[in-house]
Amino acid sequence: MPTDKRLERIRKVIKPYRITDGNNFKLKDIDPDDTGDFGKADKDRLKEALEEGILELRELQEKLYADNKWGVLLIFQAMDAAGKDGAIKHVFSGINPQGCQVFSFKSPSSEDLDHDFMWRCMKNLPERGRFGIFNRSYYEEVLVVKVHPEYLVNQRLPDNGNNIWKKRFQDICNIEKYMSHNGILVLKFFLHVSKKEQKKRFLERLDRPEKNWKFSEADVKERQHWDEYMEAYEDMIRNTASENAPWFVVPANNKWYTRAIVAGAVIDALASLNLKFPKLDSKKLEDLKAAREALLNE
């Protein structure tokens, strides 16, 4: 468990990126190159901070599972090559696999399109005591669908043009409030990578054979809509950031800093839940005492 002093340090580091009221939020205020008090090339210190966080998350997860009152939903959104997969892989590398599920949401299937826009995500919400990680989510419906409104045709909605984005923002806020009322902690991460860094990572995927499989021509086509996506992300955060479901706009040009910030945000949120191991009643304690005696007298 992190100490009070350690939690204080974590909260100081993550505070600039935690958005709970989007009214005055501007994406340009977060620098994708930012590394806080860490030097941009200080990989060793960042890896050390992450490793410490992984150990703390392991202990907190054990309490989360034993306490069995809260589920934790972690949502990751980003442009391609921003590092979502790497953040999930590294930050949660110490987590017991039995207590964690990862779901990736790509283009909706015909079955998905026969339901409401949140259906495919809502059926995969985490159980109490467990982490649920969404690699993309229902937020795609106010991002890629907003940038490509022609996708709405496939959703066969009764009214496509009447304030649909405003309605979807309202629906998302309402469902996230509902989740928090029912014991699901919601944390949302936008990994904020620059257009220049994305280009560098795309070229790396093309230059390294072992990375070729991660590249898609569609990624380059979507890059042509960069400005539209940035507007959509800013609008999304402005309309859906709240105390019960905050956004963390995480600088993503330095992958190790990104991972350290994500770990810190999850640690801080879990620590605030006051998780406890179950307290045994007198009958259970007597049963344990009897079991011990039986084992010793074999």
Protein backbone atom coordinates (compact mmCIF):
# COMPACT_ATOMS: atom_id res chain seq x y z
CA MET A 1 0.00 0.00 0.00
CA PRO A 2 1.29 3.48 -0.82
CA THR A 3 2.12 5.64 2.18
CA ASP A 4 0.43 9.00 2.76
CA LYS A 5 3.61 10.74 1.62
CA ARG A 6 3.75 8.64 -1.53
CA LEU A 7 0.08 9.38 -2.29
CA GLU A 8 0.73 13.07 -1.83
CA ARG A 9 3.53 12.89 -4.41
CA ILE A 10 1.33 10.93 -6.83
CA ARG A 11 -1.53 13.43 -6.54
CA LYS A 12 0.83 16.32 -7.22
CA VAL A 13 2.16 14.64 -10.38
CA ILE A 14 -1.23 13.66 -11.84
CA LYS A 15 -3.13 16.81 -10.87
CA PRO A 16 -2.38 18.81 -14.07
CA TYR A 17 -3.86 16.03 -16.19
CA ARG A 18 -6.99 15.24 -14.16
CA ILE A 19 -10.07 16.90 -15.65
CA THR A 20 -13.30 16.88 -13.63
CA ASP A 21 -14.93 19.99 -15.09
CA GLY A 22 -14.57 20.47 -18.82
CA ASN A 23 -16.10 23.93 -19.11
CA ASN A 24 -12.76 25.70 -19.58
CA PHE A 25 -10.77 22.76 -20.93
CA LYS A 26 -8.56 23.32 -23.97
CA LEU A 27 -6.54 20.49 -25.42
CA LYS A 28 -3.72 22.85 -26.37
CA ASP A 29 -3.07 23.45 -22.65
CA ILE A 30 -1.67 19.90 -22.34
CA ASP A 31 1.71 19.47 -24.03
CA PRO A 32 2.17 15.94 -25.48
CA ASP A 33 5.91 16.33 -24.78
CA ASP A 34 5.43 17.12 -21.09
CA THR A 35 7.30 14.92 -18.61
CA GLY A 36 6.62 16.91 -15.44
CA ASP A 37 9.60 16.97 -13.10
CA PHE A 38 11.24 14.10 -14.98
CA GLY A 39 13.81 14.85 -17.63
CA LYS A 40 12.71 13.95 -21.16
CA ALA A 41 15.47 11.36 -21.42
CA ASP A 42 15.21 10.13 -17.83
CA LYS A 43 13.97 6.67 -18.76
CA ASP A 44 15.54 4.95 -15.75
CA ARG A 45 13.76 7.16 -13.20
CA LEU A 46 10.46 6.76 -15.04
CA LYS A 47 10.82 2.98 -15.19
CA GLU A 48 11.65 2.93 -11.48
CA ALA A 49 8.52 4.98 -10.70
CA LEU A 50 6.42 2.62 -12.83
CA GLU A 51 7.86 -0.49 -11.17
CA GLU A 52 7.01 0.94 -7.76
CA GLY A 53 3.50 1.66 -8.99
CA ILE A 54 3.05 -1.88 -10.34
CA LEU A 55 3.84 -3.33 -6.90
CA GLU A 56 1.36 -0.98 -5.24
CA LEU A 57 -1.33 -1.85 -7.77
CA ARG A 58 -0.82 -5.54 -7.05
CA GLU A 59 -1.50 -4.98 -3.34
CA LEU A 60 -4.47 -2.72 -4.02
CA GLN A 61 -5.95 -5.24 -6.44
CA GLU A 62 -5.80 -7.93 -3.78
CA LYS A 63 -7.77 -5.67 -1.43
CA LEU A 64 -10.20 -4.74 -4.21
CA TYR A 65 -10.92 -8.41 -4.84
CA ALA A 66 -11.27 -9.28 -1.14
CA ASP A 67 -13.40 -6.23 -0.34
CA ASN A 68 -15.74 -7.13 -3.24
CA LYS A 69 -17.68 -3.85 -3.20
CA TRP A 70 -16.23 -2.01 -6.17
CA GLY A 71 -15.56 -2.80 -9.80
CA VAL A 72 -13.06 -0.61 -11.67
CA LEU A 73 -13.64 0.46 -15.26
CA LEU A 74 -10.61 1.93 -17.04
CA ILE A 75 -11.26 3.47 -20.46
CA PHE A 76 -8.43 4.20 -22.90
CA GLN A 77 -8.94 6.47 -25.91
CA ALA A 78 -6.28 7.81 -28.25
CA MET A 79 -5.18 8.30 -31.81
CA ASP A 80 -3.42 5.35 -33.42
CA ALA A 81 0.15 4.68 -32.17
CA ALA A 82 -0.39 6.75 -29.01
CA GLY A 83 0.57 3.77 -26.83
CA LYS A 84 -2.68 2.36 -25.46
CA ASP A 85 -1.58 -1.27 -25.82
CA GLY A 86 1.81 -0.57 -24.25
CA ALA A 87 0.28 1.33 -21.33
CA ILE A 88 -2.16 -1.48 -20.60
CA LYS A 89 0.57 -4.13 -20.94
CA HIS A 90 3.09 -2.42 -18.66
CA VAL A 91 0.89 -0.78 -16.01
CA PHE A 92 -1.12 -3.92 -15.35
CA SER A 93 1.72 -6.41 -15.75
CA GLY A 94 1.64 -7.25 -12.04
CA ILE A 95 -2.12 -7.72 -11.81
CA ASN A 96 -3.58 -11.16 -11.13
CA PRO A 97 -5.12 -12.17 -14.49
CA GLN A 98 -8.13 -13.62 -12.66
CA GLY A 99 -9.07 -10.13 -11.53
CA CYS A 100 -8.70 -8.28 -14.81
CA GLN A 101 -10.33 -8.37 -18.24
CA VAL A 102 -9.37 -6.35 -21.33
CA PHE A 103 -11.85 -5.65 -24.12
CA SER A 104 -10.98 -4.01 -27.45
CA PHE A 105 -13.74 -2.34 -29.42
CA LYS A 106 -13.18 -1.95 -33.15
CA SER A 107 -15.72 -1.55 -35.93
CA PRO A 108 -19.17 -2.64 -34.72
CA SER A 109 -20.60 -5.93 -35.96
CA SER A 110 -24.07 -6.31 -37.47
CA GLU A 111 -25.24 -7.56 -34.06
CA ASP A 112 -23.80 -4.46 -32.39
CA LEU A 113 -25.59 -2.23 -34.89
CA ASP A 114 -28.90 -3.90 -34.02
CA HIS A 115 -28.57 -2.48 -30.48
CA ASP A 116 -28.07 0.93 -28.90
CA PHE A 117 -24.64 2.54 -29.21
CA MET A 118 -23.58 1.53 -25.68
CA TRP A 119 -24.77 -2.07 -25.75
CA ARG A 120 -21.55 -3.81 -26.73
CA CYS A 121 -19.63 -2.03 -23.99
CA MET A 122 -22.24 -2.23 -21.24
CA LYS A 123 -22.45 -6.02 -21.44
CA ASN A 124 -18.72 -6.15 -20.58
CA LEU A 125 -18.71 -4.01 -17.44
CA PRO A 126 -16.46 -5.36 -14.66
CA GLU A 127 -17.79 -7.43 -11.80
CA ARG A 128 -17.26 -6.30 -8.23
CA GLY A 129 -13.68 -6.86 -7.13
CA ARG A 130 -12.30 -6.76 -10.67
CA PHE A 131 -10.73 -4.46 -13.24
CA GLY A 132 -12.38 -4.02 -16.62
CA ILE A 133 -10.18 -2.32 -19.22
CA PHE A 134 -11.72 -0.90 -22.39
CA ASN A 135 -9.27 -0.37 -25.25
CA ARG A 136 -11.51 2.15 -27.02
CA SER A 137 -15.13 2.25 -25.89
CA TYR A 138 -18.53 3.85 -26.36
CA TYR A 139 -16.61 7.10 -26.76
CA GLU A 140 -15.87 6.04 -30.34
CA GLU A 141 -19.49 7.03 -30.96
CA VAL A 142 -18.65 10.71 -30.36
CA LEU A 143 -15.21 10.51 -31.97
CA VAL A 144 -14.86 8.44 -35.13
CA VAL A 145 -18.62 8.61 -35.81
CA LYS A 146 -18.52 12.38 -35.36
CA VAL A 147 -15.57 12.72 -37.75
CA HIS A 148 -17.31 10.30 -40.16
CA PRO A 149 -21.04 11.04 -39.73
CA GLU A 150 -21.82 8.74 -42.66
CA TYR A 151 -21.42 5.87 -40.19
CA LEU A 152 -24.69 6.95 -38.58
CA VAL A 153 -26.55 5.58 -41.58
CA ASN A 154 -25.63 2.02 -40.55
CA GLN A 155 -27.04 2.64 -37.06
CA ARG A 156 -30.53 3.11 -38.49
CA LEU A 157 -31.53 5.69 -35.90
CA PRO A 158 -35.05 7.16 -35.98
CA ASP A 159 -33.59 10.70 -36.00
CA ASN A 160 -29.95 11.25 -36.97
CA GLY A 161 -29.84 15.00 -37.17
CA ASN A 162 -31.52 16.40 -34.07
CA ASN A 163 -28.75 17.31 -31.59
CA ILE A 164 -27.39 13.77 -31.67
CA TRP A 165 -23.97 14.65 -30.19
CA LYS A 166 -25.50 16.61 -27.34
CA LYS A 167 -27.83 13.70 -26.62
CA ARG A 168 -24.99 11.20 -26.68
CA PHE A 169 -22.92 13.29 -24.29
CA GLN A 170 -25.92 13.43 -21.95
CA ASP A 171 -26.47 9.68 -22.23
CA ILE A 172 -22.79 8.96 -21.49
CA CYS A 173 -22.78 11.25 -18.44
CA ASN A 174 -25.96 9.65 -17.15
CA ILE A 175 -24.70 6.08 -17.57
CA GLU A 176 -21.38 6.92 -15.90
CA LYS A 177 -23.21 8.49 -12.99
CA TYR A 178 -25.35 5.35 -12.78
CA MET A 179 -22.21 3.20 -12.73
CA SER A 180 -20.65 5.22 -9.90
CA HIS A 181 -23.89 4.93 -7.89
CA ASN A 182 -23.68 1.16 -8.26
CA GLY A 183 -20.11 0.57 -7.22
CA ILE A 184 -18.19 0.93 -10.48
CA LEU A 185 -15.25 3.33 -10.34
CA VAL A 186 -14.81 4.95 -13.75
CA LEU A 187 -11.44 6.38 -14.86
CA LYS A 188 -10.91 7.61 -18.42
CA PHE A 189 -7.57 8.16 -20.14
CA PHE A 190 -6.91 10.11 -23.32
CA LEU A 191 -3.31 9.46 -24.37
CA HIS A 192 -2.38 12.74 -26.02
CA VAL A 193 0.24 12.13 -28.70
CA SER A 194 1.43 14.77 -31.17
CA LYS A 195 1.01 14.44 -34.91
CA LYS A 196 4.81 14.55 -35.33
CA GLU A 197 5.33 11.69 -32.82
CA GLN A 198 2.60 9.62 -34.46
CA LYS A 199 4.38 9.94 -37.81
CA LYS A 200 7.64 8.80 -36.19
CA ARG A 201 5.93 5.73 -34.69
CA PHE A 202 4.18 4.87 -37.96
CA LEU A 203 7.53 4.95 -39.79
CA GLU A 204 9.04 2.72 -37.10
CA ARG A 205 6.25 0.21 -37.69
CA LEU A 206 7.04 0.24 -41.39
CA ASP A 207 10.82 0.02 -40.92
CA ARG A 208 10.80 -2.86 -38.44
CA PRO A 209 9.48 -6.19 -39.80
CA GLU A 210 8.35 -7.34 -36.35
CA LYS A 211 6.16 -4.21 -36.16
CA ASN A 212 4.65 -4.44 -39.65
CA TRP A 213 1.60 -6.33 -38.44
CA LYS A 214 0.57 -3.33 -36.32
CA PHE A 215 0.38 -1.01 -39.32
CA SER A 216 -2.79 -0.39 -41.31
CA GLU A 217 -3.30 1.82 -44.34
CA ALA A 218 -6.46 3.05 -42.62
CA ASP A 219 -4.24 4.64 -39.95
CA VAL A 220 -2.73 6.97 -42.55
CA LYS A 221 -6.15 7.84 -43.94
CA GLU A 222 -7.43 8.76 -40.48
CA ARG A 223 -4.33 10.92 -39.97
CA GLN A 224 -5.70 13.19 -42.72
CA HIS A 225 -8.54 14.06 -40.31
CA TRP A 226 -6.17 15.00 -37.46
CA ASP A 227 -7.61 18.44 -36.79
CA GLU A 228 -11.17 17.11 -36.82
CA TYR A 229 -10.22 14.43 -34.32
CA MET A 230 -8.54 16.94 -32.01
CA GLU A 231 -11.72 19.04 -32.05
CA ALA A 232 -13.79 15.91 -31.34
CA TYR A 233 -11.55 14.89 -28.43
CA GLU A 234 -11.68 18.35 -26.92
CA ASP A 235 -15.46 18.46 -27.26
CA MET A 236 -15.74 14.98 -25.73
CA ILE A 237 -13.67 15.91 -22.68
CA ARG A 238 -15.43 19.25 -22.24
CA ASN A 239 -18.82 17.52 -22.19
CA THR A 240 -18.11 14.32 -20.24
CA ALA A 241 -15.49 15.14 -17.58
CA SER A 242 -16.94 14.87 -14.06
CA GLU A 243 -15.97 14.14 -10.47
CA ASN A 244 -17.47 10.66 -10.64
CA ALA A 245 -15.82 9.87 -14.02
CA PRO A 246 -12.75 12.09 -14.56
CA TRP A 247 -10.69 12.30 -17.70
CA PHE A 248 -6.91 12.09 -17.51
CA VAL A 249 -5.36 13.83 -20.53
CA VAL A 250 -1.96 12.14 -20.43
CA PRO A 251 1.04 13.41 -22.40
CA ALA A 252 1.95 10.48 -24.65
CA ASN A 253 5.11 11.41 -26.56
CA ASN A 254 7.21 9.78 -23.83
CA LYS A 255 5.81 6.26 -23.37
CA TRP A 256 7.37 5.71 -19.94
CA TYR A 257 5.94 8.96 -18.60
CA THR A 258 2.53 8.00 -19.98
CA ARG A 259 2.66 4.66 -18.17
CA ALA A 260 3.80 6.23 -14.89
CA ILE A 261 0.93 8.75 -14.99
CA VAL A 262 -1.65 6.05 -15.73
CA ALA A 263 -0.36 3.91 -12.86
CA GLY A 264 -0.41 6.89 -10.50
CA ALA A 265 -3.97 7.80 -11.42
CA VAL A 266 -5.23 4.26 -10.77
CA ILE A 267 -3.32 3.99 -7.48
CA ASP A 268 -4.74 7.30 -6.24
CA ALA A 269 -8.30 6.34 -7.17
CA LEU A 270 -8.09 2.90 -5.54
CA ALA A 271 -6.54 4.34 -2.39
CA SER A 272 -9.51 6.71 -2.07
CA LEU A 273 -11.96 3.77 -1.88
CA ASN A 274 -10.79 2.78 1.62
CA LEU A 275 -10.56 -0.87 0.60
CA LYS A 276 -10.33 -3.40 3.43
CA PHE A 277 -9.88 -7.10 3.88
CA PRO A 278 -13.06 -8.68 5.27
CA LYS A 279 -13.25 -8.73 9.06
CA LEU A 280 -13.96 -12.20 10.40
CA ASP A 281 -16.67 -12.71 13.01
CA SER A 282 -16.11 -14.70 16.20
CA LYS A 283 -17.63 -17.87 14.73
CA LYS A 284 -15.26 -17.81 11.77
CA LEU A 285 -12.27 -17.18 14.05
CA GLU A 286 -13.25 -20.18 16.17
CA ASP A 287 -13.52 -22.29 13.01
CA LEU A 288 -10.03 -21.22 11.97
CA LYS A 289 -8.67 -22.05 15.42
CA ALA A 290 -10.26 -25.51 15.25
CA ALA A 291 -8.81 -26.07 11.78
CA ARG A 292 -5.35 -25.16 12.99
CA GLU A 293 -5.59 -27.56 15.92
CA ALA A 294 -6.82 -30.35 13.64
CA LEU A 295 -3.87 -29.86 11.30
CA LEU A 296 -1.33 -29.77 14.13
CA ASN A 297 -2.75 -32.94 15.70
CA GLU A 298 -2.66 -35.04 12.53
